[in-house]
Amino acid sequence: MKIGFIGLGNMASAMIGGILGKGLYKSTELTGSSKTEETARKIAEKYGIETSTDNRKTARDADVIILAVKPVFFAEVIDEIRDIVTGSGADKLVISIAAGKTIAWIEEQFGAPIRLARCMPNTPAMVGEGCTCVCLKDDVSDDDKSLVMAIMNSFGKASILPERLMNAFIGVAGSSPAYVFMFIEAMADGAVAAGMPRTQAYEFAAQSVLGSAKLMLETGMHPAQLKDMVCSPAGTTIEAVKTLEEKGFRGAVIDAVEACVDKAGGV
C-alpha cells in the first residue's frame, strides 16, 4: 500500500507526521508532490519520504491519493491526474481535504465514478490534536472506511458525519481554532491589564483552555456542570460569568458559528 500526497503544505505535513508517528505506514510507503522544489526537498528531509514536483508521478505510484492542495487549485490538479485515476484498470482511493468541494463536485471533475472520501481536519492536527470530519461516498467499502479513519485518527480524533453536516462541522471545529485563539488573546490582555507579564499571561490562558477541554473530554461531564464546579457562591468566577453574560458572550459565539456555517455553504 502506498499513500500519495498531492500538495505538501502544513496540513499534509501534519498528516504525514501523524501517520509515521503512529507507525501506520513506513516512510517508504509514503510519497508526495508539491508545486515547488524547495517544499518537496524540505518534506523529504524532514520525514524521509520520496517527493517530487510531479503530481502525475505521485498519482501513478500511489494506491491512495490525498488531495491536499488549496481549493482554488483543485480543478487544475484533477484535470492533471484524471486519466491516471479513472483509466482502465485504475482502482485508487481519493481523499480530499479541501473546504467547499463536495463529493459530487469532485466526482464530476473526474468525470467518472471513483472511490472517494471527503475529510476536513483542523489546524491542531499540526500538533497531533486535530479534529477531523469524514464524509464518505455512499459506495465506499468497509475496507476503505477503515483505512480513511486510521489515517485521520493518526493525528487527532476523527468522526464520520453525513456530508450535509460538513458546514456545521466547519463552524464548530474547522474554523473554531481561530475563535479559541482570540479568546486566549483576550484573556491574556485582561491579565496584562492587571499587571501580569504577557508571556506568562499567554501561557496561563492557553494552559487553562487546554486543561478545561481535556477535563470535559475525559470526564464526559456536561460543560454546564463543570462551569458550576468553579462558580462558588458570591465568588470571583460567578462575577466573571455574570459579566460575560451581560456582554453577550454566548450569543456572540453562537452568531459567529452560524455566520461561519452560512459562509461555508456559499463557498
C-alpha atoms as a PDB file:
ATOM      1  CA  MET A   1       0.000   0.000   0.000  1.00  0.00           C
ATOM      2  CA  LYS A   2       1.360   3.409  -0.970  1.00  0.00           C
ATOM      3  CA  ILE A   3      -0.095   6.743   0.177  1.00  0.00           C
ATOM      4  CA  GLY A   4       0.489   9.733  -2.098  1.00  0.00           C
ATOM      5  CA  PHE A   5       0.063  13.369  -1.105  1.00  0.00           C
ATOM      6  CA  ILE A   6      -0.558  15.914  -3.824  1.00  0.00           C
ATOM      7  CA  GLY A   7       0.262  19.115  -2.022  1.00  0.00           C
ATOM      8  CA  LEU A   8       2.821  19.199   0.782  1.00  0.00           C
ATOM      9  CA  GLY A   9       1.750  22.210   2.836  1.00  0.00           C
ATOM     10  CA  ASN A  10       1.166  22.458   6.589  1.00  0.00           C
ATOM     11  CA  MET A  11      -1.803  20.106   6.701  1.00  0.00           C
ATOM     12  CA  ALA A  12      -0.153  17.438   4.571  1.00  0.00           C
ATOM     13  CA  SER A  13       2.955  17.722   6.732  1.00  0.00           C
ATOM     14  CA  ALA A  14       0.844  17.250   9.870  1.00  0.00           C
ATOM     15  CA  MET A  15      -0.820  14.201   8.370  1.00  0.00           C
ATOM     16  CA  ILE A  16       2.489  12.673   7.300  1.00  0.00           C
ATOM     17  CA  GLY A  17       3.907  13.263  10.779  1.00  0.00           C
ATOM     18  CA  GLY A  18       0.903  11.585  12.370  1.00  0.00           C
ATOM     19  CA  ILE A  19       0.961   8.595  10.050  1.00  0.00           C
ATOM     20  CA  LEU A  20       4.668   7.985  10.652  1.00  0.00           C
ATOM     21  CA  GLY A  21       4.472   8.777  14.363  1.00  0.00           C
ATOM     22  CA  LYS A  22       1.734   6.215  14.927  1.00  0.00           C
ATOM     23  CA  GLY A  23       3.567   3.638  12.811  1.00  0.00           C
ATOM     24  CA  LEU A  24       0.595   3.367  10.485  1.00  0.00           C
ATOM     25  CA  TYR A  25       2.853   3.256   7.414  1.00  0.00           C
ATOM     26  CA  LYS A  26       6.595   3.385   6.845  1.00  0.00           C
ATOM     27  CA  SER A  27       8.331   6.310   5.156  1.00  0.00           C
ATOM     28  CA  THR A  28       8.925   4.099   2.130  1.00  0.00           C
ATOM     29  CA  GLU A  29       5.157   3.717   1.774  1.00  0.00           C
ATOM     30  CA  LEU A  30       4.560   7.460   1.538  1.00  0.00           C
ATOM     31  CA  THR A  31       5.191   9.751  -1.395  1.00  0.00           C
ATOM     32  CA  GLY A  32       4.231  13.285  -2.308  1.00  0.00           C
ATOM     33  CA  SER A  33       4.479  16.146  -4.738  1.00  0.00           C
ATOM     34  CA  SER A  34       4.435  19.906  -4.368  1.00  0.00           C
ATOM     35  CA  LYS A  35       4.463  22.944  -6.610  1.00  0.00           C
ATOM     36  CA  THR A  36       7.989  23.962  -5.642  1.00  0.00           C
ATOM     37  CA  GLU A  37      11.223  22.007  -5.384  1.00  0.00           C
ATOM     38  CA  GLU A  38      12.017  23.751  -2.100  1.00  0.00           C
ATOM     39  CA  THR A  39       8.889  22.417  -0.391  1.00  0.00           C
ATOM     40  CA  ALA A  40       9.432  18.936  -1.813  1.00  0.00           C
ATOM     41  CA  ARG A  41      13.004  18.954  -0.515  1.00  0.00           C
ATOM     42  CA  LYS A  42      12.019  20.140   2.970  1.00  0.00           C
ATOM     43  CA  ILE A  43       9.389  17.422   3.365  1.00  0.00           C
ATOM     44  CA  ALA A  44      11.775  14.765   2.062  1.00  0.00           C
ATOM     45  CA  GLU A  45      14.443  15.837   4.553  1.00  0.00           C
ATOM     46  CA  LYS A  46      12.006  16.094   7.466  1.00  0.00           C
ATOM     47  CA  TYR A  47      10.216  12.780   7.017  1.00  0.00           C
ATOM     48  CA  GLY A  48      12.453  10.686   4.767  1.00  0.00           C
ATOM     49  CA  ILE A  49       9.772  10.127   2.147  1.00  0.00           C
ATOM     50  CA  GLU A  50      10.070  10.294  -1.626  1.00  0.00           C
ATOM     51  CA  THR A  51       8.932  13.654  -3.018  1.00  0.00           C
ATOM     52  CA  SER A  52       8.888  15.458  -6.355  1.00  0.00           C
ATOM     53  CA  THR A  53       7.165  18.263  -8.221  1.00  0.00           C
ATOM     54  CA  ASP A  54       5.377  15.767 -10.485  1.00  0.00           C
ATOM     55  CA  ASN A  55       1.727  15.280  -9.495  1.00  0.00           C
ATOM     56  CA  ARG A  56       1.215  12.649 -12.162  1.00  0.00           C
ATOM     57  CA  LYS A  57       4.058  10.559 -10.757  1.00  0.00           C
ATOM     58  CA  THR A  58       2.542  10.722  -7.287  1.00  0.00           C
ATOM     59  CA  ALA A  59      -0.856   9.702  -8.668  1.00  0.00           C
ATOM     60  CA  ARG A  60       0.650   6.808 -10.639  1.00  0.00           C
ATOM     61  CA  ASP A  61       2.695   5.492  -7.727  1.00  0.00           C
ATOM     62  CA  ALA A  62       0.004   5.747  -5.038  1.00  0.00           C
ATOM     63  CA  ASP A  63      -2.838   3.401  -4.145  1.00  0.00           C
ATOM     64  CA  VAL A  64      -4.387   6.170  -2.025  1.00  0.00           C
ATOM     65  CA  ILE A  65      -4.214   9.750  -3.269  1.00  0.00           C
ATOM     66  CA  ILE A  66      -4.685  12.548  -0.746  1.00  0.00           C
ATOM     67  CA  LEU A  67      -5.561  15.821  -2.443  1.00  0.00           C
ATOM     68  CA  ALA A  68      -4.054  18.418  -0.108  1.00  0.00           C
ATOM     69  CA  VAL A  69      -3.870  21.451  -2.390  1.00  0.00           C
ATOM     70  CA  LYS A  70      -5.815  24.664  -1.871  1.00  0.00           C
ATOM     71  CA  PRO A  71      -9.399  24.536  -3.176  1.00  0.00           C
ATOM     72  CA  VAL A  72      -8.661  27.129  -5.853  1.00  0.00           C
ATOM     73  CA  PHE A  73      -6.222  24.678  -7.497  1.00  0.00           C
ATOM     74  CA  PHE A  74      -8.464  21.616  -7.251  1.00  0.00           C
ATOM     75  CA  ALA A  75      -9.902  21.661 -10.754  1.00  0.00           C
ATOM     76  CA  GLU A  76      -6.450  22.163 -12.246  1.00  0.00           C
ATOM     77  CA  VAL A  77      -4.909  19.282 -10.296  1.00  0.00           C
ATOM     78  CA  ILE A  78      -7.800  16.916 -11.010  1.00  0.00           C
ATOM     79  CA  ASP A  79      -7.514  17.717 -14.708  1.00  0.00           C
ATOM     80  CA  GLU A  80      -3.829  16.835 -14.499  1.00  0.00           C
ATOM     81  CA  ILE A  81      -4.341  13.396 -12.919  1.00  0.00           C
ATOM     82  CA  ARG A  82      -7.822  12.480 -14.193  1.00  0.00           C
ATOM     83  CA  ASP A  83      -6.711   9.876 -16.701  1.00  0.00           C
ATOM     84  CA  ILE A  84      -4.489   8.164 -14.137  1.00  0.00           C
ATOM     85  CA  VAL A  85      -7.296   7.879 -11.572  1.00  0.00           C
ATOM     86  CA  THR A  86     -10.060   6.878 -13.989  1.00  0.00           C
ATOM     87  CA  GLY A  87      -8.101   4.995 -16.634  1.00  0.00           C
ATOM     88  CA  SER A  88      -8.557   1.340 -17.476  1.00  0.00           C
ATOM     89  CA  GLY A  89      -7.562  -0.866 -14.554  1.00  0.00           C
ATOM     90  CA  ALA A  90      -7.145   2.060 -12.158  1.00  0.00           C
ATOM     91  CA  ASP A  91      -8.542   1.407  -8.702  1.00  0.00           C
ATOM     92  CA  LYS A  92      -7.331   4.221  -6.486  1.00  0.00           C
ATOM     93  CA  LEU A  93      -8.913   5.693  -3.372  1.00  0.00           C
ATOM     94  CA  VAL A  94      -9.046   9.501  -3.442  1.00  0.00           C
ATOM     95  CA  ILE A  95      -9.210  11.513  -0.214  1.00  0.00           C
ATOM     96  CA  SER A  96      -9.936  15.239  -0.382  1.00  0.00           C
ATOM     97  CA  ILE A  97      -9.214  17.690   2.442  1.00  0.00           C
ATOM     98  CA  ALA A  98     -10.428  20.786   0.585  1.00  0.00           C
ATOM     99  CA  ALA A  99     -13.051  23.099   2.049  1.00  0.00           C
ATOM    100  CA  GLY A 100     -16.111  23.760  -0.076  1.00  0.00           C
ATOM    101  CA  LYS A 101     -15.556  20.965  -2.585  1.00  0.00           C
ATOM    102  CA  THR A 102     -18.350  18.412  -2.280  1.00  0.00           C
ATOM    103  CA  ILE A 103     -18.174  14.728  -3.097  1.00  0.00           C
ATOM    104  CA  ALA A 104     -20.489  15.293  -6.065  1.00  0.00           C
ATOM    105  CA  TRP A 105     -18.375  18.188  -7.359  1.00  0.00           C
ATOM    106  CA  ILE A 106     -15.113  16.243  -7.065  1.00  0.00           C
ATOM    107  CA  GLU A 107     -16.505  13.180  -8.814  1.00  0.00           C
ATOM    108  CA  GLU A 108     -17.949  15.400 -11.535  1.00  0.00           C
ATOM    109  CA  GLN A 109     -14.481  16.866 -12.112  1.00  0.00           C
ATOM    110  CA  PHE A 110     -13.035  13.380 -12.523  1.00  0.00           C
ATOM    111  CA  GLY A 111     -15.818  12.566 -14.971  1.00  0.00           C
ATOM    112  CA  ALA A 112     -16.277   9.003 -13.753  1.00  0.00           C
ATOM    113  CA  PRO A 113     -17.227   7.099 -10.578  1.00  0.00           C
ATOM    114  CA  ILE A 114     -14.265   6.821  -8.180  1.00  0.00           C
ATOM    115  CA  ARG A 115     -13.588   5.627  -4.650  1.00  0.00           C
ATOM    116  CA  LEU A 116     -13.827   8.882  -2.726  1.00  0.00           C
ATOM    117  CA  ALA A 117     -13.802  10.356   0.774  1.00  0.00           C
ATOM    118  CA  ARG A 118     -14.070  13.994   1.783  1.00  0.00           C
ATOM    119  CA  CYS A 119     -12.314  14.976   5.007  1.00  0.00           C
ATOM    120  CA  MET A 120     -11.839  18.221   6.888  1.00  0.00           C
ATOM    121  CA  PRO A 121      -9.033  18.334   9.507  1.00  0.00           C
ATOM    122  CA  ASN A 122      -8.445  21.474  11.572  1.00  0.00           C
ATOM    123  CA  THR A 123      -5.101  23.130  12.308  1.00  0.00           C
ATOM    124  CA  PRO A 124      -4.417  21.462  15.693  1.00  0.00           C
ATOM    125  CA  ALA A 125      -3.540  18.462  13.517  1.00  0.00           C
ATOM    126  CA  MET A 126      -0.138  20.175  13.357  1.00  0.00           C
ATOM    127  CA  VAL A 127       0.476  19.080  16.972  1.00  0.00           C
ATOM    128  CA  GLY A 128      -1.298  15.737  16.758  1.00  0.00           C
ATOM    129  CA  GLU A 129      -4.581  17.047  18.206  1.00  0.00           C
ATOM    130  CA  GLY A 130      -6.635  17.514  15.069  1.00  0.00           C
ATOM    131  CA  CYS A 131     -10.404  17.225  14.892  1.00  0.00           C
ATOM    132  CA  THR A 132     -11.485  15.780  11.550  1.00  0.00           C
ATOM    133  CA  CYS A 133     -14.854  15.334   9.911  1.00  0.00           C
ATOM    134  CA  VAL A 134     -15.048  12.393   7.496  1.00  0.00           C
ATOM    135  CA  CYS A 135     -17.704  12.165   4.784  1.00  0.00           C
ATOM    136  CA  LEU A 136     -17.742   9.011   2.689  1.00  0.00           C
ATOM    137  CA  LYS A 137     -19.209   8.386  -0.732  1.00  0.00           C
ATOM    138  CA  ASP A 138     -22.158   6.019  -0.419  1.00  0.00           C
ATOM    139  CA  ASP A 139     -20.451   3.117  -2.165  1.00  0.00           C
ATOM    140  CA  VAL A 140     -17.153   3.272  -0.263  1.00  0.00           C
ATOM    141  CA  SER A 141     -16.239  -0.173   1.068  1.00  0.00           C
ATOM    142  CA  ASP A 142     -15.722  -1.080   4.708  1.00  0.00           C
ATOM    143  CA  ASP A 143     -12.012  -1.541   3.989  1.00  0.00           C
ATOM    144  CA  ASP A 144     -11.778   1.958   2.540  1.00  0.00           C
ATOM    145  CA  LYS A 145     -13.690   3.351   5.502  1.00  0.00           C
ATOM    146  CA  SER A 146     -11.273   1.682   7.931  1.00  0.00           C
ATOM    147  CA  LEU A 147      -8.268   2.952   6.007  1.00  0.00           C
ATOM    148  CA  VAL A 148      -9.551   6.544   5.913  1.00  0.00           C
ATOM    149  CA  MET A 149     -10.382   6.529   9.612  1.00  0.00           C
ATOM    150  CA  ALA A 150      -6.987   5.089  10.523  1.00  0.00           C
ATOM    151  CA  ILE A 151      -5.229   7.857   8.608  1.00  0.00           C
ATOM    152  CA  MET A 152      -7.394  10.635  10.061  1.00  0.00           C
ATOM    153  CA  ASN A 153      -7.132   9.313  13.615  1.00  0.00           C
ATOM    154  CA  SER A 154      -3.338   9.205  13.379  1.00  0.00           C
ATOM    155  CA  PHE A 155      -3.094  12.971  14.014  1.00  0.00           C
ATOM    156  CA  GLY A 156      -6.054  13.511  16.352  1.00  0.00           C
ATOM    157  CA  LYS A 157      -9.677  12.405  16.502  1.00  0.00           C
ATOM    158  CA  ALA A 158     -11.905  11.778  13.504  1.00  0.00           C
ATOM    159  CA  SER A 159     -15.641  11.191  13.237  1.00  0.00           C
ATOM    160  CA  ILE A 160     -17.895  10.219  10.344  1.00  0.00           C
ATOM    161  CA  LEU A 161     -20.727  12.618   9.550  1.00  0.00           C
ATOM    162  CA  PRO A 162     -23.198  12.870   6.671  1.00  0.00           C
ATOM    163  CA  GLU A 163     -21.980  15.443   4.186  1.00  0.00           C
ATOM    164  CA  ARG A 164     -24.975  17.699   4.896  1.00  0.00           C
ATOM    165  CA  LEU A 165     -23.360  18.416   8.296  1.00  0.00           C
ATOM    166  CA  MET A 166     -19.939  19.350   6.909  1.00  0.00           C
ATOM    167  CA  ASN A 167     -20.669  23.089   7.080  1.00  0.00           C
ATOM    168  CA  ALA A 168     -21.808  22.736  10.696  1.00  0.00           C
ATOM    169  CA  PHE A 169     -18.527  20.957  11.437  1.00  0.00           C
ATOM    170  CA  ILE A 170     -16.593  23.806   9.838  1.00  0.00           C
ATOM    171  CA  GLY A 171     -18.389  26.263  12.120  1.00  0.00           C
ATOM    172  CA  VAL A 172     -17.817  24.347  15.354  1.00  0.00           C
ATOM    173  CA  ALA A 173     -14.406  22.763  14.675  1.00  0.00           C
ATOM    174  CA  GLY A 174     -12.847  23.578  11.311  1.00  0.00           C
ATOM    175  CA  SER A 175     -12.739  27.348  11.869  1.00  0.00           C
ATOM    176  CA  SER A 176     -13.086  27.431  15.646  1.00  0.00           C
ATOM    177  CA  PRO A 177      -9.371  27.346  16.496  1.00  0.00           C
ATOM    178  CA  ALA A 178      -9.400  30.993  15.401  1.00  0.00           C
ATOM    179  CA  TYR A 179     -12.141  31.769  17.935  1.00  0.00           C
ATOM    180  CA  VAL A 180     -10.202  29.967  20.661  1.00  0.00           C
ATOM    181  CA  PHE A 181      -7.009  31.881  19.851  1.00  0.00           C
ATOM    182  CA  MET A 182      -8.965  35.128  20.079  1.00  0.00           C
ATOM    183  CA  PHE A 183     -10.330  34.027  23.476  1.00  0.00           C
ATOM    184  CA  ILE A 184      -6.835  33.171  24.707  1.00  0.00           C
ATOM    185  CA  GLU A 185      -5.516  36.503  23.463  1.00  0.00           C
ATOM    186  CA  ALA A 186      -8.363  38.403  25.133  1.00  0.00           C
ATOM    187  CA  MET A 187      -7.866  36.608  28.470  1.00  0.00           C
ATOM    188  CA  ALA A 188      -4.150  37.338  28.316  1.00  0.00           C
ATOM    189  CA  ASP A 189      -4.865  41.000  27.571  1.00  0.00           C
ATOM    190  CA  GLY A 190      -7.007  41.120  30.702  1.00  0.00           C
ATOM    191  CA  ALA A 191      -4.189  39.646  32.775  1.00  0.00           C
ATOM    192  CA  VAL A 192      -1.705  42.107  31.283  1.00  0.00           C
ATOM    193  CA  ALA A 193      -4.072  44.935  32.203  1.00  0.00           C
ATOM    194  CA  ALA A 194      -3.928  43.599  35.763  1.00  0.00           C
ATOM    195  CA  GLY A 195      -0.114  43.750  35.727  1.00  0.00           C
ATOM    196  CA  MET A 196       0.977  40.283  34.583  1.00  0.00           C
ATOM    197  CA  PRO A 197       3.841  39.941  32.064  1.00  0.00           C
ATOM    198  CA  ARG A 198       2.457  38.995  28.659  1.00  0.00           C
ATOM    199  CA  THR A 199       4.482  35.799  28.229  1.00  0.00           C
ATOM    200  CA  GLN A 200       3.076  34.362  31.438  1.00  0.00           C
ATOM    201  CA  ALA A 201      -0.410  35.612  30.608  1.00  0.00           C
ATOM    202  CA  TYR A 202      -0.422  33.732  27.297  1.00  0.00           C
ATOM    203  CA  GLU A 203       0.937  30.584  28.936  1.00  0.00           C
ATOM    204  CA  PHE A 204      -1.653  30.596  31.744  1.00  0.00           C
ATOM    205  CA  ALA A 205      -4.541  31.360  29.393  1.00  0.00           C
ATOM    206  CA  ALA A 206      -3.553  28.668  26.878  1.00  0.00           C
ATOM    207  CA  GLN A 207      -2.960  26.023  29.548  1.00  0.00           C
ATOM    208  CA  SER A 208      -6.334  26.808  31.122  1.00  0.00           C
ATOM    209  CA  VAL A 209      -8.085  26.260  27.785  1.00  0.00           C
ATOM    210  CA  LEU A 210      -6.158  23.035  27.176  1.00  0.00           C
ATOM    211  CA  GLY A 211      -6.834  21.693  30.656  1.00  0.00           C
ATOM    212  CA  SER A 212     -10.506  22.651  30.597  1.00  0.00           C
ATOM    213  CA  ALA A 213     -11.072  20.898  27.264  1.00  0.00           C
ATOM    214  CA  LYS A 214      -9.250  17.798  28.475  1.00  0.00           C
ATOM    215  CA  LEU A 215     -11.276  17.766  31.706  1.00  0.00           C
ATOM    216  CA  MET A 216     -14.549  17.796  29.795  1.00  0.00           C
ATOM    217  CA  LEU A 217     -13.481  15.145  27.289  1.00  0.00           C
ATOM    218  CA  GLU A 218     -12.048  12.772  29.892  1.00  0.00           C
ATOM    219  CA  THR A 219     -14.837  13.088  32.483  1.00  0.00           C
ATOM    220  CA  GLY A 220     -17.690  13.201  29.993  1.00  0.00           C
ATOM    221  CA  MET A 221     -19.367  15.805  32.183  1.00  0.00           C
ATOM    222  CA  HIS A 222     -21.643  18.466  30.704  1.00  0.00           C
ATOM    223  CA  PRO A 223     -19.852  21.812  30.325  1.00  0.00           C
ATOM    224  CA  ALA A 224     -22.512  23.485  32.467  1.00  0.00           C
ATOM    225  CA  GLN A 225     -21.717  21.072  35.328  1.00  0.00           C
ATOM    226  CA  LEU A 226     -18.018  21.835  35.039  1.00  0.00           C
ATOM    227  CA  LYS A 227     -18.737  25.571  34.980  1.00  0.00           C
ATOM    228  CA  ASP A 228     -20.849  25.254  38.130  1.00  0.00           C
ATOM    229  CA  MET A 229     -17.997  23.440  39.897  1.00  0.00           C
ATOM    230  CA  VAL A 230     -15.840  26.568  39.539  1.00  0.00           C
ATOM    231  CA  CYS A 231     -18.536  29.074  40.490  1.00  0.00           C
ATOM    232  CA  SER A 232     -18.518  29.426  44.292  1.00  0.00           C
ATOM    233  CA  PRO A 233     -21.345  31.421  45.889  1.00  0.00           C
ATOM    234  CA  ALA A 234     -20.610  35.172  45.791  1.00  0.00           C
ATOM    235  CA  GLY A 235     -17.175  34.336  44.374  1.00  0.00           C
ATOM    236  CA  THR A 236     -14.889  35.753  41.710  1.00  0.00           C
ATOM    237  CA  THR A 237     -15.809  33.244  38.987  1.00  0.00           C
ATOM    238  CA  ILE A 238     -19.555  33.812  39.082  1.00  0.00           C
ATOM    239  CA  GLU A 239     -18.868  37.548  38.889  1.00  0.00           C
ATOM    240  CA  ALA A 240     -16.827  36.981  35.732  1.00  0.00           C
ATOM    241  CA  VAL A 241     -19.522  34.688  34.287  1.00  0.00           C
ATOM    242  CA  LYS A 242     -22.144  37.359  35.020  1.00  0.00           C
ATOM    243  CA  THR A 243     -20.084  39.916  33.104  1.00  0.00           C
ATOM    244  CA  LEU A 244     -19.679  37.576  30.133  1.00  0.00           C
ATOM    245  CA  GLU A 245     -23.440  37.018  30.055  1.00  0.00           C
ATOM    246  CA  GLU A 246     -24.114  40.755  30.261  1.00  0.00           C
ATOM    247  CA  LYS A 247     -21.747  41.372  27.339  1.00  0.00           C
ATOM    248  CA  GLY A 248     -23.495  38.745  25.201  1.00  0.00           C
ATOM    249  CA  PHE A 249     -20.687  36.181  25.194  1.00  0.00           C
ATOM    250  CA  ARG A 250     -22.838  33.146  24.370  1.00  0.00           C
ATOM    251  CA  GLY A 251     -24.853  34.992  21.750  1.00  0.00           C
ATOM    252  CA  ALA A 252     -21.714  36.316  20.063  1.00  0.00           C
ATOM    253  CA  VAL A 253     -20.215  32.814  19.861  1.00  0.00           C
ATOM    254  CA  ILE A 254     -23.438  31.300  18.518  1.00  0.00           C
ATOM    255  CA  ASP A 255     -23.717  34.092  15.946  1.00  0.00           C
ATOM    256  CA  ALA A 256     -20.087  33.557  14.911  1.00  0.00           C
ATOM    257  CA  VAL A 257     -20.611  29.821  14.371  1.00  0.00           C
ATOM    258  CA  GLU A 258     -23.796  30.453  12.402  1.00  0.00           C
ATOM    259  CA  ALA A 259     -22.056  33.081  10.249  1.00  0.00           C
ATOM    260  CA  CYS A 260     -19.249  30.599   9.548  1.00  0.00           C
ATOM    261  CA  VAL A 261     -21.740  27.874   8.613  1.00  0.00           C
ATOM    262  CA  ASP A 262     -23.588  30.269   6.283  1.00  0.00           C
ATOM    263  CA  LYS A 263     -20.327  31.316   4.628  1.00  0.00           C
ATOM    264  CA  ALA A 264     -19.218  27.701   4.226  1.00  0.00           C
ATOM    265  CA  GLY A 265     -22.448  26.966   2.405  1.00  0.00           C
ATOM    266  CA  GLY A 266     -21.672  29.672  -0.122  1.00  0.00           C
ATOM    267  CA  VAL A 267     -18.019  28.806  -0.782  1.00  0.00           C
END
